[in-house]
Amino acid sequence: MDPWTDDPASLLILKDRIGAGSAVAISKDQTIPAPEGVQLIRGDPLNILSQYNEEFDLVVINPPFDTPVRSVDLISEDSKTIRIEDEERNLVMLRSALLLSPEGVLFAIVHPDFFQEKNAAITLIRLGLFCEAALTLPRGIFSQVTGRQQLLIIIRKGYSDMMMAGELSSDSSRHEILLRNLRGQKSGKTPELGVFIRTSTFRSLGEILLEEKVKKLAHEHGVPPVPFSGITRSIIVGACGTLQDAGGRIYLPFSPDKPPQISSEDLLIPPSEVACILLRSGTVDPGYLLSFFDTELGRAIRELVAKRAGRIEHFSD
């Protein structure tokens, strides 16, 4: 089934290739022709799917990203009705996934920010679904979203708190390695070839690669890991502290291209683009931290902070 198609003929090609018994396509377009061998249903995908009860072994979906926010009622794994408000593209995917057969699989192209919010993983669990893999797509295959690479995700029925993150490329031999690692449930030699992580912690492959870079640089320089919570009193977006905290805080811009500062008066960017870090007394000199964050390792850490900027939460003693 393709619940959001503008080319039902492509579904016919897939049907013939895998030997499927039937194929169903849903489209809002009232003018596209229906190829012989494909059941084409015209209309609103969410409304149509809500009335459908047939199970599918394979669902493929590549919806447009510019869709409105809508609300639907879905049945959770414990048979409770839950109302979900989300982008229409995500709701169509979830509704389609609920029609999977026990061994069925859904392939969907999703926005790069799909996993940026924890709601995605939580919603899947509540519906008795899980993400088996999230694979970064090569640039240029699909239209880019603000210059970032989109994701191909694999959804199945059941539960697993682990998923594979990896990267598809134009190299077919790498595809075979990636698929072999997925089937064998083992991580590859590099994150691009597949790495298994907890679904709740995944945000992007780029973040994983940055974490690997930080660990490598720290090892090369013999720098022991020091929990940030051990030297900080709090981290908050924007201004923080009182007059008495002067000399005991630093302002760390999310962008690695902007220099960190000890005083807010020296900042050349809005406070909303800065993490204000209050330091624990006697643990570290602010001037040392400023120098550290200008090293290769420090810039890599700052780049990682930039990727996580939207998820910074205030914490304190």
Protein backbone atom coordinates (compact mmCIF):
# COMPACT_ATOMS: atom_id res chain seq x y z
CA MET A 1 0.00 0.00 0.00
CA ASP A 2 1.05 3.54 -0.76
CA PRO A 3 -1.25 5.82 1.27
CA TRP A 4 -0.04 9.05 -0.28
CA THR A 5 0.81 8.61 -3.94
CA ASP A 6 1.05 10.83 -6.97
CA ASP A 7 2.36 8.00 -9.15
CA PRO A 8 0.40 4.76 -8.66
CA ALA A 9 2.25 3.23 -11.61
CA SER A 10 5.39 3.04 -9.46
CA LEU A 11 3.47 0.92 -6.97
CA LEU A 12 2.60 -1.48 -9.79
CA ILE A 13 6.32 -1.85 -10.56
CA LEU A 14 7.02 -2.65 -6.91
CA LYS A 15 4.10 -5.09 -6.77
CA ASP A 16 5.41 -7.04 -9.76
CA ARG A 17 8.97 -7.01 -8.45
CA ILE A 18 8.12 -8.55 -5.08
CA GLY A 19 5.24 -10.70 -6.29
CA ALA A 20 2.56 -9.10 -4.13
CA GLY A 21 -0.99 -10.40 -4.48
CA SER A 22 -2.59 -6.96 -4.47
CA ALA A 23 -1.67 -3.28 -4.29
CA VAL A 24 -3.63 -0.32 -2.93
CA ALA A 25 -2.85 3.34 -3.53
CA ILE A 26 -4.53 6.38 -1.99
CA SER A 27 -4.34 9.80 -3.61
CA LYS A 28 -5.88 13.22 -3.17
CA ASP A 29 -5.38 13.80 -6.90
CA GLN A 30 -8.67 13.27 -8.71
CA THR A 31 -7.08 13.28 -12.16
CA ILE A 32 -4.25 10.74 -12.10
CA PRO A 33 -5.05 7.51 -14.00
CA ALA A 34 -5.43 4.19 -12.22
CA PRO A 35 -3.09 1.58 -13.70
CA GLU A 36 -4.43 -1.94 -14.16
CA GLY A 37 -3.35 -4.06 -11.20
CA VAL A 38 -3.53 -1.27 -8.61
CA GLN A 39 -6.63 -0.38 -6.60
CA LEU A 40 -6.60 3.41 -6.59
CA ILE A 41 -8.73 5.13 -3.94
CA ARG A 42 -9.18 8.87 -4.34
CA GLY A 43 -9.76 11.14 -1.38
CA ASP A 44 -8.33 12.23 1.97
CA PRO A 45 -5.81 9.60 3.18
CA LEU A 46 -6.64 9.99 6.89
CA ASN A 47 -10.38 9.60 6.32
CA ILE A 48 -9.92 6.63 4.02
CA LEU A 49 -7.47 4.86 6.34
CA SER A 50 -9.83 5.32 9.30
CA GLN A 51 -12.39 3.16 7.48
CA TYR A 52 -9.92 0.54 6.29
CA ASN A 53 -9.33 -2.74 8.13
CA GLU A 54 -7.34 -4.80 5.62
CA GLU A 55 -3.82 -5.80 6.71
CA PHE A 56 -0.76 -5.12 4.56
CA ASP A 57 2.62 -6.83 4.44
CA LEU A 58 4.29 -3.77 2.98
CA VAL A 59 3.53 -0.05 3.22
CA VAL A 60 5.64 2.57 1.45
CA ILE A 61 5.11 6.29 1.97
CA ASN A 62 6.86 9.41 0.76
CA PRO A 63 4.52 12.23 1.74
CA PRO A 64 5.08 15.95 1.10
CA PHE A 65 6.58 17.79 4.07
CA ASP A 66 4.38 20.86 3.80
CA THR A 67 1.25 19.47 5.46
CA PRO A 68 -1.09 21.00 8.05
CA VAL A 69 -1.41 19.98 11.68
CA ARG A 70 -4.42 17.73 12.25
CA SER A 71 -5.88 15.57 15.00
CA VAL A 72 -6.87 11.90 14.89
CA ASP A 73 -8.11 9.30 17.36
CA LEU A 74 -6.03 6.11 17.31
CA ILE A 75 -6.33 2.91 19.32
CA SER A 76 -3.39 2.28 21.63
CA GLU A 77 -1.86 -1.12 22.32
CA ASP A 78 -3.95 -1.44 25.48
CA SER A 79 -7.12 -0.75 23.45
CA LYS A 80 -7.53 2.81 24.67
CA THR A 81 -8.44 5.68 22.37
CA ILE A 82 -5.75 8.33 22.25
CA ARG A 83 -5.98 11.65 20.45
CA ILE A 84 -2.85 12.64 18.58
CA GLU A 85 -2.19 16.08 17.13
CA ASP A 86 0.66 16.20 14.65
CA GLU A 87 1.67 17.03 11.10
CA GLU A 88 -0.67 15.31 8.64
CA ARG A 89 2.26 13.45 7.07
CA ASN A 90 3.09 11.80 10.41
CA LEU A 91 -0.53 10.94 11.16
CA VAL A 92 -0.93 9.20 7.80
CA MET A 93 2.19 7.16 8.55
CA LEU A 94 0.96 6.14 12.00
CA ARG A 95 -2.51 5.27 10.75
CA SER A 96 -0.97 3.18 7.95
CA ALA A 97 1.40 1.39 10.35
CA LEU A 98 -1.58 0.19 12.39
CA LEU A 99 -2.74 -1.71 9.29
CA LEU A 100 0.46 -3.76 9.10
CA SER A 101 0.22 -7.53 9.34
CA PRO A 102 2.12 -9.12 12.29
CA GLU A 103 5.21 -9.56 10.11
CA GLY A 104 4.55 -6.49 7.96
CA VAL A 105 6.93 -3.58 7.48
CA LEU A 106 6.52 0.11 6.68
CA PHE A 107 9.11 2.20 4.87
CA ALA A 108 8.66 5.97 5.12
CA ILE A 109 10.63 9.04 4.13
CA VAL A 110 10.46 11.45 7.07
CA HIS A 111 11.60 14.95 7.92
CA PRO A 112 15.11 15.26 9.45
CA ASP A 113 13.52 16.54 12.67
CA PHE A 114 11.26 13.50 13.11
CA PHE A 115 13.24 12.24 16.12
CA GLN A 116 14.09 15.65 17.57
CA GLU A 117 11.08 15.42 19.85
CA LYS A 118 10.64 12.50 22.24
CA ASN A 119 6.97 12.35 21.27
CA ALA A 120 7.82 10.33 18.15
CA ALA A 121 9.28 7.37 20.03
CA ILE A 122 6.66 7.55 22.80
CA THR A 123 3.78 7.60 20.31
CA LEU A 124 5.13 4.55 18.49
CA ILE A 125 5.36 2.61 21.77
CA ARG A 126 1.83 3.58 22.79
CA LEU A 127 0.51 2.27 19.47
CA GLY A 128 2.39 -1.03 19.72
CA LEU A 129 4.91 -0.03 17.05
CA PHE A 130 8.67 0.42 16.98
CA CYS A 131 11.29 1.89 14.68
CA GLU A 132 13.65 -0.81 13.46
CA ALA A 133 16.00 1.56 11.65
CA ALA A 134 16.52 5.20 10.69
CA LEU A 135 18.80 5.59 7.70
CA THR A 136 20.11 8.94 6.48
CA LEU A 137 19.51 9.32 2.74
CA PRO A 138 22.14 10.50 0.26
CA ARG A 139 21.94 14.13 -0.72
CA GLY A 140 20.09 14.82 -3.94
CA ILE A 141 17.81 11.76 -3.98
CA PHE A 142 14.89 13.75 -2.62
CA SER A 143 14.35 17.47 -2.26
CA GLN A 144 16.33 18.85 0.63
CA VAL A 145 14.87 20.34 3.79
CA THR A 146 16.91 23.45 4.66
CA GLY A 147 19.94 21.69 3.21
CA ARG A 148 19.67 18.68 5.52
CA GLN A 149 19.40 15.02 4.64
CA GLN A 150 16.11 13.22 5.06
CA LEU A 151 15.58 9.87 6.75
CA LEU A 152 14.24 6.53 5.62
CA ILE A 153 12.67 4.84 8.62
CA ILE A 154 11.50 1.24 9.00
CA ILE A 155 8.48 0.64 11.24
CA ARG A 156 7.16 -2.70 12.49
CA LYS A 157 4.57 -3.92 14.97
CA GLY A 158 5.85 -5.01 18.37
CA TYR A 159 8.29 -3.55 20.85
CA SER A 160 12.01 -2.88 20.90
CA ASP A 161 13.87 -0.11 22.71
CA MET A 162 16.82 -0.41 20.32
CA MET A 163 17.07 0.71 16.72
CA MET A 164 19.72 0.94 14.04
CA ALA A 165 20.99 4.30 12.82
CA GLY A 166 22.99 4.33 9.61
CA GLU A 167 23.47 5.96 6.24
CA LEU A 168 22.46 4.88 2.76
CA SER A 169 24.84 5.76 -0.04
CA SER A 170 25.24 5.29 -3.77
CA ASP A 171 27.66 2.41 -3.08
CA SER A 172 25.70 -0.85 -3.42
CA SER A 173 28.35 -2.81 -1.51
CA ARG A 174 27.77 -0.58 1.52
CA HIS A 175 24.05 -1.27 1.21
CA GLU A 176 24.75 -4.99 1.51
CA ILE A 177 26.89 -4.46 4.61
CA LEU A 178 24.25 -2.22 6.17
CA LEU A 179 21.49 -4.75 5.47
CA ARG A 180 23.63 -7.60 6.81
CA ASN A 181 24.28 -5.67 10.02
CA LEU A 182 20.56 -4.89 10.37
CA ARG A 183 19.58 -8.53 9.94
CA GLY A 184 22.32 -9.69 12.28
CA GLN A 185 21.46 -7.00 14.84
CA LYS A 186 25.07 -5.89 15.13
CA SER A 187 26.81 -2.54 14.76
CA GLY A 188 29.12 -1.90 11.82
CA LYS A 189 32.73 -0.75 11.93
CA THR A 190 31.58 2.84 11.51
CA PRO A 191 28.27 4.53 12.46
CA GLU A 192 27.47 4.98 8.77
CA LEU A 193 27.38 1.19 8.39
CA GLY A 194 24.89 0.87 11.21
CA VAL A 195 25.01 1.42 14.95
CA PHE A 196 22.43 0.22 17.45
CA ILE A 197 21.25 2.76 20.02
CA ARG A 198 18.22 3.32 22.21
CA THR A 199 15.38 4.80 20.21
CA SER A 200 14.68 7.40 22.90
CA THR A 201 18.21 8.84 22.55
CA PHE A 202 18.40 9.04 18.75
CA ARG A 203 18.20 12.46 17.14
CA SER A 204 20.38 12.24 14.03
CA LEU A 205 23.32 10.35 12.59
CA GLY A 206 25.25 13.63 12.55
CA GLU A 207 24.96 13.82 16.32
CA ILE A 208 26.27 10.27 16.67
CA LEU A 209 29.23 11.06 14.41
CA LEU A 210 30.01 14.17 16.46
CA GLU A 211 29.95 12.14 19.68
CA GLU A 212 32.43 9.71 18.10
CA LYS A 213 34.65 12.64 17.07
CA VAL A 214 34.59 14.10 20.59
CA LYS A 215 35.53 10.72 22.11
CA LYS A 216 38.35 10.25 19.59
CA LEU A 217 39.82 13.71 20.15
CA ALA A 218 39.58 13.33 23.91
CA HIS A 219 41.40 9.99 23.71
CA GLU A 220 44.12 11.40 21.44
CA HIS A 221 44.76 14.27 23.86
CA GLY A 222 44.59 12.07 26.94
CA VAL A 223 41.76 14.13 28.36
CA PRO A 224 39.82 12.28 31.07
CA PRO A 225 36.02 12.63 30.90
CA VAL A 226 34.65 15.15 33.37
CA PRO A 227 30.85 15.34 33.76
CA PHE A 228 29.71 18.87 33.05
CA SER A 229 27.42 18.63 36.05
CA GLY A 230 30.55 18.31 38.21
CA ILE A 231 31.82 21.78 37.35
CA THR A 232 28.54 23.61 36.72
CA ARG A 233 25.77 24.87 38.96
CA SER A 234 23.31 25.37 36.14
CA ILE A 235 22.98 25.71 32.37
CA ILE A 236 20.22 27.79 30.88
CA VAL A 237 19.46 29.44 27.56
CA GLY A 238 20.00 33.20 27.80
CA ALA A 239 21.18 35.33 30.69
CA CYS A 240 21.64 33.73 34.10
CA GLY A 241 22.92 34.34 37.60
CA THR A 242 23.19 37.48 39.70
CA LEU A 243 25.76 40.25 40.17
CA GLN A 244 27.51 38.05 42.74
CA ASP A 245 28.10 35.42 40.02
CA ALA A 246 30.30 37.74 37.94
CA GLY A 247 33.55 35.95 37.11
CA GLY A 248 31.95 32.57 37.75
CA ARG A 249 30.08 32.02 34.52
CA ILE A 250 30.63 31.84 30.79
CA TYR A 251 28.37 32.48 27.84
CA LEU A 252 28.68 29.73 25.24
CA PRO A 253 27.17 30.51 21.81
CA PHE A 254 25.56 27.49 20.18
CA SER A 255 27.39 28.28 16.95
CA PRO A 256 31.04 27.08 17.04
CA ASP A 257 31.91 30.11 14.89
CA LYS A 258 31.07 32.55 17.67
CA PRO A 259 33.58 33.03 20.53
CA PRO A 260 32.48 32.27 24.10
CA GLN A 261 32.53 35.18 26.53
CA ILE A 262 32.72 35.76 30.26
CA SER A 263 30.53 38.87 30.16
CA SER A 264 27.14 39.17 28.48
CA GLU A 265 28.11 42.69 27.42
CA ASP A 266 30.69 41.22 25.03
CA LEU A 267 28.15 39.09 23.19
CA LEU A 268 27.36 40.08 19.63
CA ILE A 269 24.38 37.71 19.28
CA PRO A 270 20.97 37.47 20.98
CA PRO A 271 20.83 35.71 24.40
CA SER A 272 18.49 33.09 22.89
CA GLU A 273 21.46 31.79 20.88
CA VAL A 274 23.68 31.36 23.95
CA ALA A 275 23.95 28.88 26.80
CA CYS A 276 24.76 30.62 30.08
CA ILE A 277 26.83 28.33 32.30
CA LEU A 278 27.18 29.03 36.03
CA LEU A 279 30.32 27.35 37.36
CA ARG A 280 30.78 25.69 40.72
CA SER A 281 33.11 27.70 42.92
CA GLY A 282 36.69 26.42 42.93
CA THR A 283 36.24 23.79 40.20
CA VAL A 284 37.51 25.47 37.05
CA ASP A 285 38.76 28.85 35.91
CA PRO A 286 36.40 30.57 33.40
CA GLY A 287 39.38 31.77 31.36
CA TYR A 288 40.62 28.20 30.99
CA LEU A 289 37.21 27.10 29.72
CA LEU A 290 37.18 29.93 27.17
CA SER A 291 40.52 28.71 25.81
CA PHE A 292 39.41 25.08 25.87
CA PHE A 293 36.27 25.78 23.87
CA ASP A 294 38.44 27.32 21.16
CA THR A 295 40.45 24.09 20.65
CA GLU A 296 39.51 21.43 18.07
CA LEU A 297 38.01 19.30 20.82
CA GLY A 298 36.21 22.26 22.33
CA ARG A 299 34.74 23.30 18.99
CA ALA A 300 33.56 19.74 18.35
CA ILE A 301 31.81 19.77 21.72
CA ARG A 302 30.25 23.13 20.91
CA GLU A 303 29.02 21.81 17.57
CA LEU A 304 27.39 18.94 19.46
CA VAL A 305 25.82 21.48 21.83
CA ALA A 306 24.54 23.40 18.80
CA LYS A 307 22.77 20.29 17.50
CA ARG A 308 21.14 19.82 20.88
CA ALA A 309 20.35 23.49 21.48
CA GLY A 310 16.62 22.96 21.15
CA ARG A 311 16.73 20.36 23.91
CA ILE A 312 18.65 22.28 26.59
CA GLU A 313 16.70 22.27 29.81
CA HIS A 314 17.46 24.33 32.89
CA PHE A 315 19.02 22.32 35.69
CA SER A 316 20.44 23.44 39.04
CA ASP A 317 21.32 22.28 42.55
